[in-house]
Amino acid sequence: MQAGESAQVRSLLREAASRLGAAGVGSPRTDSELLLAHVLECERGRLYLLDVIDTVQAERYRAVVERRAAREPLQHITGNAWFLDLDLQVGPGVFVPRPETETLAQWGIDHIAGLERPTVVDLCSGSGALALAVARARPDAEAYAVEVSPEALEWLGRNAFGTRVRVVPGDVRDPDLLAEVRGQADLVLCNPPYVPAAQRVPVEVRADPPLAVFAGVDGLDLIPAVAELAADLLRDGGRAGIEHDESHPEEVARILGRHFRDVRGLPDLAGRPRFTTGVK
């Protein structure tokens, strides 16, 4: 292609989807479209209203497709991740929120319906996805987002800037964490690290900080501390919801059962047992 020539959008998208599919990307067509929308700075739905793009845009597009074919996470290339109706800034150093966690966010939103000025705590917050989703749905909420990683805190701060979500640097194993909230929270949510140390994970997951992914030999190292802290933070009748590996529902139910009643499993959209909830 010579300088000044143009490229057919549909041809470029077919070429990109084929390249990504051959590289093992799980959603090659979707990713090819999202990458082109990123390069063109337009909405994905407008791509098929375009016939051609110029040479510079086409070469930029091919470059980002190659990055994705090398299995760099899509969200690291675009710099953002969608979570419910939130557009979150993400990149190296912070866990990229996954769509399945939206189930936990919506569960939390549903269970504080009708409460006036609820107090909500998001433990192991990462990008702030859970806290910000609840705060977006309930602008009257007092929301706290707790994170221990300095790198993740930078991304959390960017996402929480201009919102009412309070960013709290801290470790869930700290007995003095959020002392001012003890016994007052209406809802505690947590997507902690829960992958067993030896478990193989997709290439893209390896780009997430290990601190946010792995949790000891069985993947359960942090959940007892999360459950104990959640119980201390909640008022009587308050609710906790924790995400975990699909192999963990029985173990997590036993851990929550030490502090909570009405302990129940909650499936994700694919029907997998990925969440456990309880009432203080």
Protein backbone atom coordinates (compact mmCIF):
# COMPACT_ATOMS: atom_id res chain seq x y z
CA MET A 1 0.00 0.00 0.00
CA GLN A 2 1.49 3.35 -1.04
CA ALA A 3 1.24 6.61 0.87
CA GLY A 4 -2.02 8.39 0.22
CA GLU A 5 -3.94 5.20 -0.58
CA SER A 6 -6.88 4.03 1.49
CA ALA A 7 -7.87 0.69 2.97
CA GLN A 8 -11.25 -1.00 2.91
CA VAL A 9 -12.66 -1.24 6.43
CA ARG A 10 -14.39 -4.60 5.96
CA SER A 11 -11.28 -6.12 4.43
CA LEU A 12 -9.14 -4.88 7.30
CA LEU A 13 -11.56 -6.29 9.87
CA ARG A 14 -11.60 -9.70 8.16
CA GLU A 15 -7.81 -9.71 8.00
CA ALA A 16 -7.53 -8.75 11.68
CA ALA A 17 -10.10 -11.30 12.87
CA SER A 18 -8.28 -14.04 10.97
CA ARG A 19 -4.95 -13.01 12.48
CA LEU A 20 -6.33 -12.89 16.02
CA GLY A 21 -8.15 -16.20 15.62
CA ALA A 22 -4.96 -17.88 14.44
CA ALA A 23 -3.17 -16.45 17.49
CA GLY A 24 -5.68 -18.09 19.84
CA VAL A 25 -7.60 -14.98 20.88
CA GLY A 26 -10.98 -16.12 22.18
CA SER A 27 -13.12 -13.39 20.59
CA PRO A 28 -11.28 -12.41 17.41
CA ARG A 29 -14.14 -10.63 15.65
CA THR A 30 -15.12 -8.58 18.68
CA ASP A 31 -11.52 -7.67 19.45
CA SER A 32 -10.83 -6.69 15.84
CA GLU A 33 -13.77 -4.29 15.94
CA LEU A 34 -12.90 -2.83 19.34
CA LEU A 35 -9.32 -2.23 18.26
CA LEU A 36 -10.38 -0.44 15.09
CA ALA A 37 -12.86 1.69 17.05
CA HIS A 38 -9.99 2.56 19.39
CA VAL A 39 -7.69 3.57 16.54
CA LEU A 40 -10.40 5.64 14.84
CA GLU A 41 -11.67 7.07 18.15
CA CYS A 42 -15.24 6.24 17.26
CA GLU A 43 -18.01 4.02 18.58
CA ARG A 44 -17.83 0.39 17.58
CA GLY A 45 -21.32 0.59 16.09
CA ARG A 46 -20.18 3.22 13.59
CA LEU A 47 -17.48 1.07 11.98
CA TYR A 48 -19.73 -0.40 9.33
CA LEU A 49 -20.86 3.05 8.28
CA LEU A 50 -17.30 3.59 7.03
CA ASP A 51 -16.02 2.31 3.71
CA VAL A 52 -12.34 3.23 3.84
CA ILE A 53 -9.70 4.64 6.16
CA ASP A 54 -6.40 6.22 5.25
CA THR A 55 -3.00 4.56 5.16
CA VAL A 56 -1.78 5.95 8.47
CA GLN A 57 -4.88 4.72 10.28
CA ALA A 58 -4.60 1.31 8.61
CA GLU A 59 -0.99 0.90 9.67
CA ARG A 60 -1.78 1.98 13.22
CA TYR A 61 -4.56 -0.59 13.23
CA ARG A 62 -2.32 -3.39 12.01
CA ALA A 63 0.20 -2.49 14.71
CA VAL A 64 -2.32 -2.81 17.55
CA VAL A 65 -3.69 -6.03 16.03
CA GLU A 66 -0.18 -7.47 16.22
CA ARG A 67 0.05 -6.46 19.87
CA ARG A 68 -3.21 -8.27 20.54
CA ALA A 69 -2.05 -11.28 18.53
CA ALA A 70 0.94 -11.42 20.90
CA ARG A 71 -1.77 -11.77 23.61
CA GLU A 72 -1.32 -8.36 25.17
CA PRO A 73 -4.66 -7.78 26.92
CA LEU A 74 -7.14 -5.81 24.84
CA GLN A 75 -7.74 -3.47 27.77
CA HIS A 76 -4.04 -2.64 28.08
CA ILE A 77 -3.99 -1.63 24.42
CA THR A 78 -7.13 0.51 24.57
CA GLY A 79 -6.47 1.74 28.13
CA ASN A 80 -10.00 1.07 29.32
CA ALA A 81 -12.36 -1.68 30.46
CA TRP A 82 -16.15 -1.55 30.47
CA PHE A 83 -17.91 -2.73 33.63
CA LEU A 84 -21.69 -2.40 33.70
CA ASP A 85 -22.07 1.18 32.43
CA LEU A 86 -18.63 2.32 33.64
CA ASP A 87 -15.65 3.08 31.42
CA LEU A 88 -12.69 2.34 33.70
CA GLN A 89 -9.05 3.23 33.11
CA VAL A 90 -6.81 0.17 33.37
CA GLY A 91 -3.30 -0.90 32.43
CA PRO A 92 -0.23 -2.71 33.76
CA GLY A 93 -0.29 -2.89 37.53
CA VAL A 94 -4.03 -3.32 38.07
CA PHE A 95 -6.37 -6.28 37.67
CA VAL A 96 -8.63 -5.92 34.63
CA PRO A 97 -12.26 -6.34 35.76
CA ARG A 98 -14.11 -9.20 34.06
CA PRO A 99 -17.74 -9.22 32.89
CA GLU A 100 -18.64 -12.07 35.25
CA THR A 101 -18.00 -9.82 38.25
CA GLU A 102 -20.89 -7.64 37.08
CA THR A 103 -23.16 -10.32 38.57
CA LEU A 104 -21.76 -9.57 42.04
CA ALA A 105 -22.08 -5.83 41.52
CA GLN A 106 -25.72 -6.15 40.48
CA TRP A 107 -26.47 -8.45 43.40
CA GLY A 108 -25.10 -5.80 45.75
CA ILE A 109 -27.05 -3.00 44.08
CA ASP A 110 -30.26 -5.01 44.34
CA HIS A 111 -29.76 -5.74 48.04
CA ILE A 112 -29.36 -2.14 49.11
CA ALA A 113 -32.44 -1.01 47.23
CA GLY A 114 -34.71 0.89 49.60
CA LEU A 115 -31.97 1.73 52.09
CA GLU A 116 -31.31 5.40 52.66
CA ARG A 117 -27.65 6.47 52.29
CA PRO A 118 -26.25 2.93 52.46
CA THR A 119 -22.65 2.36 53.46
CA VAL A 120 -20.79 0.10 51.03
CA VAL A 121 -17.26 -1.32 51.20
CA ASP A 122 -15.34 -2.85 48.30
CA LEU A 123 -12.39 -4.91 49.56
CA CYS A 124 -9.43 -5.77 47.26
CA SER A 125 -10.86 -3.10 45.00
CA GLY A 126 -8.26 -2.98 42.22
CA SER A 127 -9.60 -0.63 39.55
CA GLY A 128 -12.56 0.24 41.79
CA ALA A 129 -15.07 -1.58 39.59
CA LEU A 130 -17.40 -2.82 42.35
CA ALA A 131 -17.37 0.34 44.46
CA LEU A 132 -17.83 2.61 41.47
CA ALA A 133 -20.63 0.49 39.99
CA VAL A 134 -22.58 0.62 43.25
CA ALA A 135 -21.88 4.33 43.67
CA ARG A 136 -23.04 4.98 40.10
CA ALA A 137 -26.32 3.18 40.82
CA ARG A 138 -26.65 4.79 44.27
CA PRO A 139 -25.19 8.32 44.31
CA ASP A 140 -26.34 8.68 47.93
CA ALA A 141 -24.15 5.80 49.11
CA GLU A 142 -21.10 6.18 51.32
CA ALA A 143 -18.69 3.98 49.38
CA TYR A 144 -15.18 2.88 50.35
CA ALA A 145 -12.69 1.18 48.03
CA VAL A 146 -9.84 -0.64 49.80
CA GLU A 147 -6.65 -1.64 47.97
CA VAL A 148 -3.17 -2.62 49.15
CA SER A 149 -1.10 -2.42 45.95
CA PRO A 150 0.55 0.98 45.29
CA GLU A 151 0.35 0.39 41.53
CA ALA A 152 -3.33 -0.53 41.64
CA LEU A 153 -4.04 2.43 43.91
CA GLU A 154 -2.86 4.76 41.16
CA TRP A 155 -5.46 3.37 38.76
CA LEU A 156 -8.11 3.31 41.49
CA GLY A 157 -7.43 6.96 42.26
CA ARG A 158 -7.86 7.91 38.61
CA ASN A 159 -11.14 6.06 38.33
CA ALA A 160 -12.51 7.38 41.63
CA PHE A 161 -11.48 10.99 40.93
CA GLY A 162 -14.53 13.25 40.92
CA THR A 163 -16.76 10.61 42.52
CA ARG A 164 -17.87 10.14 46.13
CA VAL A 165 -15.96 6.87 46.44
CA ARG A 166 -13.33 7.09 49.15
CA VAL A 167 -10.06 5.39 48.28
CA VAL A 168 -8.53 3.60 51.29
CA PRO A 169 -4.98 2.23 51.09
CA GLY A 170 -4.89 -0.84 53.28
CA ASP A 171 -4.54 -4.59 53.77
CA VAL A 172 -7.65 -6.64 54.58
CA ARG A 173 -5.57 -8.48 57.18
CA ASP A 174 -5.03 -5.25 59.16
CA PRO A 175 -7.19 -5.44 62.31
CA ASP A 176 -7.48 -1.64 62.43
CA LEU A 177 -8.60 -1.17 58.85
CA LEU A 178 -11.70 1.05 58.51
CA ALA A 179 -12.16 1.23 62.26
CA GLU A 180 -14.57 4.14 61.77
CA VAL A 181 -16.94 1.94 59.74
CA ARG A 182 -17.02 -1.08 62.07
CA GLY A 183 -20.55 -2.32 62.64
CA GLN A 184 -22.09 0.26 60.28
CA ALA A 185 -21.75 -1.08 56.73
CA ASP A 186 -24.81 -2.29 54.86
CA LEU A 187 -22.91 -4.10 52.13
CA VAL A 188 -19.40 -5.54 51.69
CA LEU A 189 -18.29 -6.81 48.30
CA CYS A 190 -14.99 -8.43 47.40
CA ASN A 191 -13.30 -9.92 44.35
CA PRO A 192 -10.10 -11.13 46.05
CA PRO A 193 -7.21 -13.05 44.56
CA TYR A 194 -8.35 -16.69 44.57
CA VAL A 195 -6.42 -18.68 41.95
CA PRO A 196 -4.29 -21.59 43.31
CA ALA A 197 -0.58 -20.86 42.84
CA ALA A 198 0.07 -23.81 40.52
CA GLN A 199 -3.02 -23.38 38.37
CA ARG A 200 -2.48 -22.57 34.70
CA VAL A 201 -4.23 -19.40 33.60
CA PRO A 202 -4.88 -17.82 30.18
CA VAL A 203 -2.08 -15.74 28.70
CA GLU A 204 -3.98 -12.50 29.29
CA VAL A 205 -4.44 -13.28 32.99
CA ARG A 206 -0.67 -13.51 33.34
CA ALA A 207 -0.56 -9.79 32.53
CA ASP A 208 -2.57 -9.06 35.68
CA PRO A 209 -0.55 -8.45 38.87
CA PRO A 210 0.13 -11.83 40.55
CA LEU A 211 -0.89 -10.25 43.88
CA ALA A 212 -4.39 -9.75 42.46
CA VAL A 213 -4.70 -13.25 40.98
CA PHE A 214 -2.99 -15.93 43.07
CA ALA A 215 -3.66 -16.77 46.72
CA GLY A 216 -1.53 -19.60 48.00
CA VAL A 217 -1.56 -23.31 47.27
CA ASP A 218 -5.34 -23.71 47.29
CA GLY A 219 -6.31 -20.15 46.33
CA LEU A 220 -8.02 -19.57 49.67
CA ASP A 221 -5.30 -17.74 51.58
CA LEU A 222 -7.09 -14.38 51.76
CA ILE A 223 -10.76 -15.34 51.97
CA PRO A 224 -10.82 -16.08 55.74
CA ALA A 225 -9.45 -12.59 56.43
CA VAL A 226 -11.97 -11.06 54.02
CA ALA A 227 -14.86 -12.90 55.70
CA GLU A 228 -13.74 -11.86 59.20
CA LEU A 229 -13.27 -8.23 58.23
CA ALA A 230 -16.61 -8.14 56.39
CA ALA A 231 -18.34 -9.48 59.50
CA ASP A 232 -16.70 -6.78 61.64
CA LEU A 233 -17.65 -4.00 59.22
CA LEU A 234 -21.28 -4.98 58.71
CA ARG A 235 -24.22 -4.06 60.89
CA ASP A 236 -26.64 -6.82 61.90
CA GLY A 237 -28.60 -7.70 58.78
CA GLY A 238 -25.91 -6.36 56.47
CA ARG A 239 -24.78 -8.53 53.56
CA ALA A 240 -21.48 -9.73 52.18
CA GLY A 241 -20.74 -11.10 48.71
CA ILE A 242 -17.42 -12.68 47.72
CA GLU A 243 -16.22 -13.89 44.33
CA HIS A 244 -14.21 -17.12 44.19
CA ASP A 245 -13.04 -19.92 41.92
CA GLU A 246 -15.74 -22.27 40.68
CA SER A 247 -13.99 -25.10 42.55
CA HIS A 248 -14.36 -23.28 45.90
CA PRO A 249 -18.09 -22.94 46.72
CA GLU A 250 -18.15 -25.48 49.55
CA GLU A 251 -14.96 -24.21 51.17
CA VAL A 252 -16.03 -20.57 50.93
CA ALA A 253 -19.47 -21.40 52.33
CA ARG A 254 -17.81 -23.02 55.34
CA ILE A 255 -15.57 -19.98 55.87
CA LEU A 256 -18.50 -17.55 55.65
CA GLY A 257 -20.57 -19.82 57.88
CA ARG A 258 -18.30 -18.97 60.80
CA HIS A 259 -19.51 -15.37 60.72
CA PHE A 260 -22.75 -15.26 58.68
CA ARG A 261 -26.17 -16.80 58.43
CA ASP A 262 -28.21 -17.55 55.31
CA VAL A 263 -25.05 -18.39 53.38
CA ARG A 264 -25.88 -18.98 49.72
CA GLY A 265 -24.15 -19.59 46.43
CA LEU A 266 -24.71 -17.26 43.49
CA PRO A 267 -23.97 -18.42 39.92
CA ASP A 268 -22.47 -16.27 37.20
CA LEU A 269 -24.21 -15.78 33.85
CA ALA A 270 -22.79 -19.10 32.61
CA GLY A 271 -24.26 -20.93 35.61
CA ARG A 272 -20.90 -21.51 37.30
CA PRO A 273 -20.74 -21.27 41.15
CA ARG A 274 -18.58 -18.17 41.36
CA PHE A 275 -19.98 -16.17 44.30
CA THR A 276 -21.02 -16.81 47.89
CA THR A 277 -23.13 -14.45 49.97
CA GLY A 278 -24.17 -14.20 53.58
CA VAL A 279 -26.09 -12.10 56.09
CA LYS A 280 -24.52 -10.73 59.31
